[in-house]
Every structure is written in structure tokens, then in C-alpha cells.
mmCIF file of all heavy atoms, coordinates in Angstrom:
data_MODEL
# 
_entry.id   MODEL 
# 
loop_
_atom_site.group_PDB 
_atom_site.id 
_atom_site.type_symbol 
_atom_site.label_atom_id 
_atom_site.label_alt_id 
_atom_site.label_comp_id 
_atom_site.label_asym_id 
_atom_site.label_entity_id 
_atom_site.label_seq_id 
_atom_site.pdbx_PDB_ins_code 
_atom_site.Cartn_x 
_atom_site.Cartn_y 
_atom_site.Cartn_z 
_atom_site.occupancy 
_atom_site.B_iso_or_equiv 
_atom_site.pdbx_formal_charge 
_atom_site.auth_seq_id 
_atom_site.auth_comp_id 
_atom_site.auth_asym_id 
_atom_site.auth_atom_id 
_atom_site.pdbx_PDB_model_num 
ATOM 1   N N   . SER A 1 1  ? 0.833   -1.207  0.004   1.00 0.00 ? 1  SER A N   1 
ATOM 2   C CA  . SER A 1 1  ? -0.002  -0.002  0.000   1.00 0.00 ? 1  SER A CA  1 
ATOM 3   C C   . SER A 1 1  ? 0.861   1.263   0.001   1.00 0.00 ? 1  SER A C   1 
ATOM 4   O O   . SER A 1 1  ? 0.433   2.323   -0.475  1.00 0.00 ? 1  SER A O   1 
ATOM 5   C CB  . SER A 1 1  ? -0.928  -0.008  1.220   1.00 0.00 ? 1  SER A CB  1 
ATOM 6   O OG  . SER A 1 1  ? -0.184  -0.087  2.416   1.00 0.00 ? 1  SER A OG  1 
ATOM 7   N N   . ALA A 1 2  ? 2.090   1.129   0.487   1.00 0.00 ? 2  ALA A N   1 
ATOM 8   C CA  . ALA A 1 2  ? 3.014   2.267   0.516   1.00 0.00 ? 2  ALA A CA  1 
ATOM 9   C C   . ALA A 1 2  ? 3.789   2.424   -0.778  1.00 0.00 ? 2  ALA A C   1 
ATOM 10  O O   . ALA A 1 2  ? 4.562   3.378   -0.937  1.00 0.00 ? 2  ALA A O   1 
ATOM 11  C CB  . ALA A 1 2  ? 3.988   2.128   1.685   1.00 0.00 ? 2  ALA A CB  1 
ATOM 12  N N   . GLY A 1 3  ? 3.628   1.478   -1.681  1.00 0.00 ? 3  GLY A N   1 
ATOM 13  C CA  . GLY A 1 3  ? 4.298   1.551   -2.963  1.00 0.00 ? 3  GLY A CA  1 
ATOM 14  C C   . GLY A 1 3  ? 5.621   0.808   -3.054  1.00 0.00 ? 3  GLY A C   1 
ATOM 15  O O   . GLY A 1 3  ? 6.290   0.861   -4.093  1.00 0.00 ? 3  GLY A O   1 
ATOM 16  N N   . SER A 1 4  ? 5.978   0.094   -2.007  1.00 0.00 ? 4  SER A N   1 
ATOM 17  C CA  . SER A 1 4  ? 7.205   -0.713  -2.073  1.00 0.00 ? 4  SER A CA  1 
ATOM 18  C C   . SER A 1 4  ? 6.958   -1.917  -2.982  1.00 0.00 ? 4  SER A C   1 
ATOM 19  O O   . SER A 1 4  ? 5.866   -2.468  -2.978  1.00 0.00 ? 4  SER A O   1 
ATOM 20  C CB  . SER A 1 4  ? 7.600   -1.190  -0.678  1.00 0.00 ? 4  SER A CB  1 
ATOM 21  O OG  . SER A 1 4  ? 7.906   -0.092  0.154   1.00 0.00 ? 4  SER A OG  1 
ATOM 22  N N   . THR A 1 5  ? 7.994   -2.301  -3.710  1.00 0.00 ? 5  THR A N   1 
ATOM 23  C CA  . THR A 1 5  ? 7.833   -3.385  -4.693  1.00 0.00 ? 5  THR A CA  1 
ATOM 24  C C   . THR A 1 5  ? 8.858   -4.485  -4.460  1.00 0.00 ? 5  THR A C   1 
ATOM 25  O O   . THR A 1 5  ? 9.973   -4.244  -3.973  1.00 0.00 ? 5  THR A O   1 
ATOM 26  C CB  . THR A 1 5  ? 7.981   -2.851  -6.120  1.00 0.00 ? 5  THR A CB  1 
ATOM 27  O OG1 . THR A 1 5  ? 9.257   -2.210  -6.249  1.00 0.00 ? 5  THR A OG1 1 
ATOM 28  C CG2 . THR A 1 5  ? 6.889   -1.850  -6.451  1.00 0.00 ? 5  THR A CG2 1 
ATOM 29  N N   . VAL A 1 6  ? 8.459   -5.694  -4.822  1.00 0.00 ? 6  VAL A N   1 
ATOM 30  C CA  . VAL A 1 6  ? 9.318   -6.859  -4.796  1.00 0.00 ? 6  VAL A CA  1 
ATOM 31  C C   . VAL A 1 6  ? 9.090   -7.646  -6.069  1.00 0.00 ? 6  VAL A C   1 
ATOM 32  O O   . VAL A 1 6  ? 7.953   -7.782  -6.522  1.00 0.00 ? 6  VAL A O   1 
ATOM 33  C CB  . VAL A 1 6  ? 9.010   -7.768  -3.573  1.00 0.00 ? 6  VAL A CB  1 
ATOM 34  C CG1 . VAL A 1 6  ? 9.890   -8.998  -3.571  1.00 0.00 ? 6  VAL A CG1 1 
ATOM 35  C CG2 . VAL A 1 6  ? 9.188   -6.996  -2.267  1.00 0.00 ? 6  VAL A CG2 1 
ATOM 36  N N   . TYR A 1 7  ? 10.184  -8.159  -6.649  1.00 0.00 ? 7  TYR A N   1 
ATOM 37  C CA  . TYR A 1 7  ? 10.089  -8.887  -7.914  1.00 0.00 ? 7  TYR A CA  1 
ATOM 38  C C   . TYR A 1 7  ? 10.791  -10.239 -7.806  1.00 0.00 ? 7  TYR A C   1 
ATOM 39  O O   . TYR A 1 7  ? 11.776  -10.395 -7.089  1.00 0.00 ? 7  TYR A O   1 
ATOM 40  C CB  . TYR A 1 7  ? 10.759  -8.105  -9.050  1.00 0.00 ? 7  TYR A CB  1 
ATOM 41  C CG  . TYR A 1 7  ? 10.087  -6.788  -9.339  1.00 0.00 ? 7  TYR A CG  1 
ATOM 42  C CD1 . TYR A 1 7  ? 10.547  -5.617  -8.769  1.00 0.00 ? 7  TYR A CD1 1 
ATOM 43  C CD2 . TYR A 1 7  ? 8.979   -6.722  -10.199 1.00 0.00 ? 7  TYR A CD2 1 
ATOM 44  C CE1 . TYR A 1 7  ? 9.918   -4.400  -9.027  1.00 0.00 ? 7  TYR A CE1 1 
ATOM 45  C CE2 . TYR A 1 7  ? 8.368   -5.525  -10.471 1.00 0.00 ? 7  TYR A CE2 1 
ATOM 46  C CZ  . TYR A 1 7  ? 8.844   -4.359  -9.875  1.00 0.00 ? 7  TYR A CZ  1 
ATOM 47  O OH  . TYR A 1 7  ? 8.224   -3.159  -10.145 1.00 0.00 ? 7  TYR A OH  1 
ATOM 48  N N   . ALA A 1 8  ? 10.289  -11.197 -8.545  1.00 0.00 ? 8  ALA A N   1 
ATOM 49  C CA  . ALA A 1 8  ? 10.995  -12.454 -8.715  1.00 0.00 ? 8  ALA A CA  1 
ATOM 50  C C   . ALA A 1 8  ? 12.288  -12.184 -9.460  1.00 0.00 ? 8  ALA A C   1 
ATOM 51  O O   . ALA A 1 8  ? 12.338  -11.293 -10.327 1.00 0.00 ? 8  ALA A O   1 
ATOM 52  C CB  . ALA A 1 8  ? 10.147  -13.450 -9.477  1.00 0.00 ? 8  ALA A CB  1 
ATOM 53  N N   . ASP A 1 9  ? 13.335  -12.934 -9.152  1.00 0.00 ? 9  ASP A N   1 
ATOM 54  C CA  . ASP A 1 9  ? 14.615  -12.723 -9.804  1.00 0.00 ? 9  ASP A CA  1 
ATOM 55  C C   . ASP A 1 9  ? 14.512  -12.830 -11.329 1.00 0.00 ? 9  ASP A C   1 
ATOM 56  O O   . ASP A 1 9  ? 15.197  -12.133 -12.075 1.00 0.00 ? 9  ASP A O   1 
ATOM 57  C CB  . ASP A 1 9  ? 15.651  -13.743 -9.303  1.00 0.00 ? 9  ASP A CB  1 
ATOM 58  C CG  . ASP A 1 9  ? 16.107  -13.429 -7.878  1.00 0.00 ? 9  ASP A CG  1 
ATOM 59  O OD1 . ASP A 1 9  ? 15.889  -12.296 -7.406  1.00 0.00 ? 9  ASP A OD1 1 
ATOM 60  O OD2 . ASP A 1 9  ? 16.675  -14.333 -7.242  1.00 0.00 ? 9  ASP A OD2 1 
ATOM 61  N N   . SER A 1 10 ? 13.623  -13.699 -11.783 1.00 0.00 ? 10 SER A N   1 
ATOM 62  C CA  . SER A 1 10 ? 13.508  -13.971 -13.217 1.00 0.00 ? 10 SER A CA  1 
ATOM 63  C C   . SER A 1 10 ? 12.942  -12.791 -14.003 1.00 0.00 ? 10 SER A C   1 
ATOM 64  O O   . SER A 1 10 ? 13.070  -12.758 -15.241 1.00 0.00 ? 10 SER A O   1 
ATOM 65  C CB  . SER A 1 10 ? 12.636  -15.204 -13.453 1.00 0.00 ? 10 SER A CB  1 
ATOM 66  O OG  . SER A 1 10 ? 11.350  -15.030 -12.889 1.00 0.00 ? 10 SER A OG  1 
ATOM 67  N N   . VAL A 1 11 ? 12.333  -11.836 -13.328 1.00 0.00 ? 11 VAL A N   1 
ATOM 68  C CA  . VAL A 1 11 ? 11.712  -10.716 -14.040 1.00 0.00 ? 11 VAL A CA  1 
ATOM 69  C C   . VAL A 1 11 ? 12.305  -9.357  -13.668 1.00 0.00 ? 11 VAL A C   1 
ATOM 70  O O   . VAL A 1 11 ? 11.935  -8.330  -14.235 1.00 0.00 ? 11 VAL A O   1 
ATOM 71  C CB  . VAL A 1 11 ? 10.184  -10.670 -13.832 1.00 0.00 ? 11 VAL A CB  1 
ATOM 72  C CG1 . VAL A 1 11 ? 9.560   -12.022 -14.198 1.00 0.00 ? 11 VAL A CG1 1 
ATOM 73  C CG2 . VAL A 1 11 ? 9.822   -10.255 -12.415 1.00 0.00 ? 11 VAL A CG2 1 
ATOM 74  N N   . LYS A 1 12 ? 13.220  -9.352  -12.723 1.00 0.00 ? 12 LYS A N   1 
ATOM 75  C CA  . LYS A 1 12 ? 13.836  -8.088  -12.301 1.00 0.00 ? 12 LYS A CA  1 
ATOM 76  C C   . LYS A 1 12 ? 14.463  -7.364  -13.467 1.00 0.00 ? 12 LYS A C   1 
ATOM 77  O O   . LYS A 1 12 ? 15.161  -7.963  -14.293 1.00 0.00 ? 12 LYS A O   1 
ATOM 78  C CB  . LYS A 1 12 ? 14.900  -8.356  -11.228 1.00 0.00 ? 12 LYS A CB  1 
ATOM 79  C CG  . LYS A 1 12 ? 14.352  -8.568  -9.846  1.00 0.00 ? 12 LYS A CG  1 
ATOM 80  C CD  . LYS A 1 12 ? 15.462  -8.791  -8.830  1.00 0.00 ? 12 LYS A CD  1 
ATOM 81  C CE  . LYS A 1 12 ? 14.917  -9.053  -7.454  1.00 0.00 ? 12 LYS A CE  1 
ATOM 82  N NZ  . LYS A 1 12 ? 15.987  -9.363  -6.474  1.00 0.00 ? 12 LYS A NZ  1 
ATOM 83  N N   . GLY A 1 13 ? 14.208  -6.077  -13.556 1.00 0.00 ? 13 GLY A N   1 
ATOM 84  C CA  . GLY A 1 13 ? 14.753  -5.272  -14.628 1.00 0.00 ? 13 GLY A CA  1 
ATOM 85  C C   . GLY A 1 13 ? 13.933  -5.288  -15.905 1.00 0.00 ? 13 GLY A C   1 
ATOM 86  O O   . GLY A 1 13 ? 14.182  -4.511  -16.829 1.00 0.00 ? 13 GLY A O   1 
ATOM 87  N N   . ARG A 1 14 ? 12.964  -6.199  -15.968 1.00 0.00 ? 14 ARG A N   1 
ATOM 88  C CA  . ARG A 1 14 ? 12.106  -6.298  -17.177 1.00 0.00 ? 14 ARG A CA  1 
ATOM 89  C C   . ARG A 1 14 ? 10.658  -5.954  -16.882 1.00 0.00 ? 14 ARG A C   1 
ATOM 90  O O   . ARG A 1 14 ? 9.967   -5.403  -17.742 1.00 0.00 ? 14 ARG A O   1 
ATOM 91  C CB  . ARG A 1 14 ? 12.190  -7.715  -17.755 1.00 0.00 ? 14 ARG A CB  1 
ATOM 92  C CG  . ARG A 1 14 ? 13.582  -8.143  -18.168 1.00 0.00 ? 14 ARG A CG  1 
ATOM 93  C CD  . ARG A 1 14 ? 13.550  -9.473  -18.909 1.00 0.00 ? 14 ARG A CD  1 
ATOM 94  N NE  . ARG A 1 14 ? 13.049  -10.575 -18.089 1.00 0.00 ? 14 ARG A NE  1 
ATOM 95  C CZ  . ARG A 1 14 ? 11.991  -11.316 -18.411 1.00 0.00 ? 14 ARG A CZ  1 
ATOM 96  N NH1 . ARG A 1 14 ? 11.313  -11.090 -19.523 1.00 0.00 ? 14 ARG A NH1 1 
ATOM 97  N NH2 . ARG A 1 14 ? 11.597  -12.302 -17.617 1.00 0.00 ? 14 ARG A NH2 1 
ATOM 98  N N   . PHE A 1 15 ? 10.185  -6.322  -15.704 1.00 0.00 ? 15 PHE A N   1 
ATOM 99  C CA  . PHE A 1 15 ? 8.783   -6.089  -15.338 1.00 0.00 ? 15 PHE A CA  1 
ATOM 100 C C   . PHE A 1 15 ? 8.701   -4.961  -14.306 1.00 0.00 ? 15 PHE A C   1 
ATOM 101 O O   . PHE A 1 15 ? 9.583   -4.822  -13.456 1.00 0.00 ? 15 PHE A O   1 
ATOM 102 C CB  . PHE A 1 15 ? 8.167   -7.342  -14.740 1.00 0.00 ? 15 PHE A CB  1 
ATOM 103 C CG  . PHE A 1 15 ? 7.944   -8.488  -15.681 1.00 0.00 ? 15 PHE A CG  1 
ATOM 104 C CD1 . PHE A 1 15 ? 8.458   -8.486  -16.955 1.00 0.00 ? 15 PHE A CD1 1 
ATOM 105 C CD2 . PHE A 1 15 ? 7.190   -9.588  -15.277 1.00 0.00 ? 15 PHE A CD2 1 
ATOM 106 C CE1 . PHE A 1 15 ? 8.236   -9.547  -17.825 1.00 0.00 ? 15 PHE A CE1 1 
ATOM 107 C CE2 . PHE A 1 15 ? 6.959   -10.651 -16.123 1.00 0.00 ? 15 PHE A CE2 1 
ATOM 108 C CZ  . PHE A 1 15 ? 7.504   -10.632 -17.405 1.00 0.00 ? 15 PHE A CZ  1 
ATOM 109 N N   . THR A 1 16 ? 7.612   -4.227  -14.375 1.00 0.00 ? 16 THR A N   1 
ATOM 110 C CA  . THR A 1 16 ? 7.355   -3.154  -13.381 1.00 0.00 ? 16 THR A CA  1 
ATOM 111 C C   . THR A 1 16 ? 5.908   -3.229  -12.930 1.00 0.00 ? 16 THR A C   1 
ATOM 112 O O   . THR A 1 16 ? 4.994   -3.185  -13.746 1.00 0.00 ? 16 THR A O   1 
ATOM 113 C CB  . THR A 1 16 ? 7.629   -1.766  -13.977 1.00 0.00 ? 16 THR A CB  1 
ATOM 114 O OG1 . THR A 1 16 ? 8.984   -1.699  -14.460 1.00 0.00 ? 16 THR A OG1 1 
ATOM 115 C CG2 . THR A 1 16 ? 7.427   -0.686  -12.934 1.00 0.00 ? 16 THR A CG2 1 
ATOM 116 N N   . ILE A 1 17 ? 5.717   -3.312  -11.630 1.00 0.00 ? 17 ILE A N   1 
ATOM 117 C CA  . ILE A 1 17 ? 4.380   -3.308  -11.055 1.00 0.00 ? 17 ILE A CA  1 
ATOM 118 C C   . ILE A 1 17 ? 4.081   -1.895  -10.555 1.00 0.00 ? 17 ILE A C   1 
ATOM 119 O O   . ILE A 1 17 ? 4.966   -1.217  -10.021 1.00 0.00 ? 17 ILE A O   1 
ATOM 120 C CB  . ILE A 1 17 ? 4.227   -4.355  -9.924  1.00 0.00 ? 17 ILE A CB  1 
ATOM 121 C CG1 . ILE A 1 17 ? 2.777   -4.463  -9.459  1.00 0.00 ? 17 ILE A CG1 1 
ATOM 122 C CG2 . ILE A 1 17 ? 5.169   -4.045  -8.757  1.00 0.00 ? 17 ILE A CG2 1 
ATOM 123 C CD1 . ILE A 1 17 ? 2.524   -5.618  -8.496  1.00 0.00 ? 17 ILE A CD1 1 
ATOM 124 N N   . SER A 1 18 ? 2.851   -1.464  -10.763 1.00 0.00 ? 18 SER A N   1 
ATOM 125 C CA  . SER A 1 18 ? 2.445   -0.143  -10.293 1.00 0.00 ? 18 SER A CA  1 
ATOM 126 C C   . SER A 1 18 ? 0.962   -0.201  -9.914  1.00 0.00 ? 18 SER A C   1 
ATOM 127 O O   . SER A 1 18 ? 0.265   -1.172  -10.228 1.00 0.00 ? 18 SER A O   1 
ATOM 128 C CB  . SER A 1 18 ? 2.707   0.928   -11.353 1.00 0.00 ? 18 SER A CB  1 
ATOM 129 O OG  . SER A 1 18 ? 1.975   0.667   -12.535 1.00 0.00 ? 18 SER A OG  1 
ATOM 130 N N   . ARG A 1 19 ? 0.511   0.870   -9.274  1.00 0.00 ? 19 ARG A N   1 
ATOM 131 C CA  . ARG A 1 19 ? -0.880  0.886   -8.854  1.00 0.00 ? 19 ARG A CA  1 
ATOM 132 C C   . ARG A 1 19 ? -1.443  2.295   -8.973  1.00 0.00 ? 19 ARG A C   1 
ATOM 133 O O   . ARG A 1 19 ? -0.716  3.284   -8.857  1.00 0.00 ? 19 ARG A O   1 
ATOM 134 C CB  . ARG A 1 19 ? -1.010  0.370   -7.419  1.00 0.00 ? 19 ARG A CB  1 
ATOM 135 C CG  . ARG A 1 19 ? -0.274  1.207   -6.388  1.00 0.00 ? 19 ARG A CG  1 
ATOM 136 C CD  . ARG A 1 19 ? -0.222  0.495   -5.039  1.00 0.00 ? 19 ARG A CD  1 
ATOM 137 N NE  . ARG A 1 19 ? -1.554  0.343   -4.458  1.00 0.00 ? 19 ARG A NE  1 
ATOM 138 C CZ  . ARG A 1 19 ? -1.875  -0.597  -3.573  1.00 0.00 ? 19 ARG A CZ  1 
ATOM 139 N NH1 . ARG A 1 19 ? -0.957  -1.457  -3.157  1.00 0.00 ? 19 ARG A NH1 1 
ATOM 140 N NH2 . ARG A 1 19 ? -3.089  -0.656  -3.075  1.00 0.00 ? 19 ARG A NH2 1 
ATOM 141 N N   . ASP A 1 20 ? -2.753  2.350   -9.182  1.00 0.00 ? 20 ASP A N   1 
ATOM 142 C CA  . ASP A 1 20 ? -3.475  3.608   -9.198  1.00 0.00 ? 20 ASP A CA  1 
ATOM 143 C C   . ASP A 1 20 ? -4.629  3.447   -8.211  1.00 0.00 ? 20 ASP A C   1 
ATOM 144 O O   . ASP A 1 20 ? -5.637  2.818   -8.544  1.00 0.00 ? 20 ASP A O   1 
ATOM 145 C CB  . ASP A 1 20 ? -3.977  3.912   -10.609 1.00 0.00 ? 20 ASP A CB  1 
ATOM 146 C CG  . ASP A 1 20 ? -4.648  5.286   -10.713 1.00 0.00 ? 20 ASP A CG  1 
ATOM 147 O OD1 . ASP A 1 20 ? -5.209  5.775   -9.702  1.00 0.00 ? 20 ASP A OD1 1 
ATOM 148 O OD2 . ASP A 1 20 ? -4.650  5.848   -11.809 1.00 0.00 ? 20 ASP A OD2 1 
ATOM 149 N N   . ASP A 1 21 ? -4.460  3.977   -7.019  1.00 0.00 ? 21 ASP A N   1 
ATOM 150 C CA  . ASP A 1 21 ? -5.463  3.768   -5.977  1.00 0.00 ? 21 ASP A CA  1 
ATOM 151 C C   . ASP A 1 21 ? -6.794  4.437   -6.318  1.00 0.00 ? 21 ASP A C   1 
ATOM 152 O O   . ASP A 1 21 ? -7.859  3.943   -5.932  1.00 0.00 ? 21 ASP A O   1 
ATOM 153 C CB  . ASP A 1 21 ? -4.945  4.275   -4.638  1.00 0.00 ? 21 ASP A CB  1 
ATOM 154 C CG  . ASP A 1 21 ? -3.849  3.389   -4.061  1.00 0.00 ? 21 ASP A CG  1 
ATOM 155 O OD1 . ASP A 1 21 ? -3.624  2.283   -4.598  1.00 0.00 ? 21 ASP A OD1 1 
ATOM 156 O OD2 . ASP A 1 21 ? -3.203  3.797   -3.069  1.00 0.00 ? 21 ASP A OD2 1 
ATOM 157 N N   . ALA A 1 22 ? -6.746  5.537   -7.030  1.00 0.00 ? 22 ALA A N   1 
ATOM 158 C CA  . ALA A 1 22 ? -7.996  6.216   -7.411  1.00 0.00 ? 22 ALA A CA  1 
ATOM 159 C C   . ALA A 1 22 ? -8.821  5.357   -8.344  1.00 0.00 ? 22 ALA A C   1 
ATOM 160 O O   . ALA A 1 22 ? -10.049 5.376   -8.294  1.00 0.00 ? 22 ALA A O   1 
ATOM 161 C CB  . ALA A 1 22 ? -7.672  7.556   -8.058  1.00 0.00 ? 22 ALA A CB  1 
ATOM 162 N N   . LYS A 1 23 ? -8.151  4.583   -9.192  1.00 0.00 ? 23 LYS A N   1 
ATOM 163 C CA  . LYS A 1 23 ? -8.842  3.710   -10.146 1.00 0.00 ? 23 LYS A CA  1 
ATOM 164 C C   . LYS A 1 23 ? -8.978  2.286   -9.617  1.00 0.00 ? 23 LYS A C   1 
ATOM 165 O O   . LYS A 1 23 ? -9.546  1.443   -10.293 1.00 0.00 ? 23 LYS A O   1 
ATOM 166 C CB  . LYS A 1 23 ? -8.095  3.697   -11.474 1.00 0.00 ? 23 LYS A CB  1 
ATOM 167 C CG  . LYS A 1 23 ? -8.097  5.032   -12.209 1.00 0.00 ? 23 LYS A CG  1 
ATOM 168 C CD  . LYS A 1 23 ? -7.379  4.910   -13.547 1.00 0.00 ? 23 LYS A CD  1 
ATOM 169 C CE  . LYS A 1 23 ? -7.427  6.248   -14.286 1.00 0.00 ? 23 LYS A CE  1 
ATOM 170 N NZ  . LYS A 1 23 ? -6.723  6.169   -15.599 1.00 0.00 ? 23 LYS A NZ  1 
ATOM 171 N N   . LYS A 1 24 ? -8.417  2.011   -8.429  1.00 0.00 ? 24 LYS A N   1 
ATOM 172 C CA  . LYS A 1 24 ? -8.440  0.664   -7.867  1.00 0.00 ? 24 LYS A CA  1 
ATOM 173 C C   . LYS A 1 24 ? -7.899  -0.343  -8.869  1.00 0.00 ? 24 LYS A C   1 
ATOM 174 O O   . LYS A 1 24 ? -8.496  -1.402  -9.115  1.00 0.00 ? 24 LYS A O   1 
ATOM 175 C CB  . LYS A 1 24 ? -9.842  0.276   -7.415  1.00 0.00 ? 24 LYS A CB  1 
ATOM 176 C CG  . LYS A 1 24 ? -10.365 1.112   -6.261  1.00 0.00 ? 24 LYS A CG  1 
ATOM 177 C CD  . LYS A 1 24 ? -11.693 0.558   -5.737  1.00 0.00 ? 24 LYS A CD  1 
ATOM 178 C CE  . LYS A 1 24 ? -12.173 1.342   -4.522  1.00 0.00 ? 24 LYS A CE  1 
ATOM 179 N NZ  . LYS A 1 24 ? -13.441 0.804   -3.983  1.00 0.00 ? 24 LYS A NZ  1 
ATOM 180 N N   . THR A 1 25 ? -6.790  0.002   -9.449  1.00 0.00 ? 25 THR A N   1 
ATOM 181 C CA  . THR A 1 25 ? -6.199  -0.805  -10.511 1.00 0.00 ? 25 THR A CA  1 
ATOM 182 C C   . THR A 1 25 ? -4.712  -1.002  -10.252 1.00 0.00 ? 25 THR A C   1 
ATOM 183 O O   . THR A 1 25 ? -4.023  -0.076  -9.833  1.00 0.00 ? 25 THR A O   1 
ATOM 184 C CB  . THR A 1 25 ? -6.414  -0.171  -11.892 1.00 0.00 ? 25 THR A CB  1 
ATOM 185 O OG1 . THR A 1 25 ? -7.821  -0.017  -12.117 1.00 0.00 ? 25 THR A OG1 1 
ATOM 186 C CG2 . THR A 1 25 ? -5.815  -1.021  -12.992 1.00 0.00 ? 25 THR A CG2 1 
ATOM 187 N N   . VAL A 1 26 ? -4.244  -2.223  -10.501 1.00 0.00 ? 26 VAL A N   1 
ATOM 188 C CA  . VAL A 1 26 ? -2.827  -2.520  -10.439 1.00 0.00 ? 26 VAL A CA  1 
ATOM 189 C C   . VAL A 1 26 ? -2.364  -2.968  -11.815 1.00 0.00 ? 26 VAL A C   1 
ATOM 190 O O   . VAL A 1 26 ? -3.136  -3.614  -12.557 1.00 0.00 ? 26 VAL A O   1 
ATOM 191 C CB  . VAL A 1 26 ? -2.528  -3.593  -9.347  1.00 0.00 ? 26 VAL A CB  1 
ATOM 192 C CG1 . VAL A 1 26 ? -3.215  -4.911  -9.656  1.00 0.00 ? 26 VAL A CG1 1 
ATOM 193 C CG2 . VAL A 1 26 ? -1.029  -3.796  -9.181  1.00 0.00 ? 26 VAL A CG2 1 
ATOM 194 N N   . TYR A 1 27 ? -1.150  -2.603  -12.179 1.00 0.00 ? 27 TYR A N   1 
ATOM 195 C CA  . TYR A 1 27 ? -0.635  -2.858  -13.512 1.00 0.00 ? 27 TYR A CA  1 
ATOM 196 C C   . TYR A 1 27 ? 0.651   -3.702  -13.436 1.00 0.00 ? 27 TYR A C   1 
ATOM 197 O O   . TYR A 1 27 ? 1.350   -3.702  -12.438 1.00 0.00 ? 27 TYR A O   1 
ATOM 198 C CB  . TYR A 1 27 ? -0.309  -1.535  -14.217 1.00 0.00 ? 27 TYR A CB  1 
ATOM 199 C CG  . TYR A 1 27 ? -1.459  -0.580  -14.297 1.00 0.00 ? 27 TYR A CG  1 
ATOM 200 C CD1 . TYR A 1 27 ? -1.583  0.455   -13.360 1.00 0.00 ? 27 TYR A CD1 1 
ATOM 201 C CD2 . TYR A 1 27 ? -2.419  -0.690  -15.301 1.00 0.00 ? 27 TYR A CD2 1 
ATOM 202 C CE1 . TYR A 1 27 ? -2.646  1.349   -13.418 1.00 0.00 ? 27 TYR A CE1 1 
ATOM 203 C CE2 . TYR A 1 27 ? -3.470  0.216   -15.367 1.00 0.00 ? 27 TYR A CE2 1 
ATOM 204 C CZ  . TYR A 1 27 ? -3.568  1.224   -14.438 1.00 0.00 ? 27 TYR A CZ  1 
ATOM 205 O OH  . TYR A 1 27 ? -4.627  2.093   -14.505 1.00 0.00 ? 27 TYR A OH  1 
# 
């Protein structure tokens, strides 16, 4: 909820997770 992110080693540097709380959507 604070925006901290964790990635699997296999996707680090290639994938990015983000969120828009106003839209209740995660990308």
C-alpha cells in the first residue's frame, strides 16, 4: 500500500508493477 515493490529474480529489470489507488487498478 506504501508503494514498495518486490520482484521475482527472473523478471527483475524487465517487469514493473504499479498501482493507481484512485482507479483501484494494479498494472
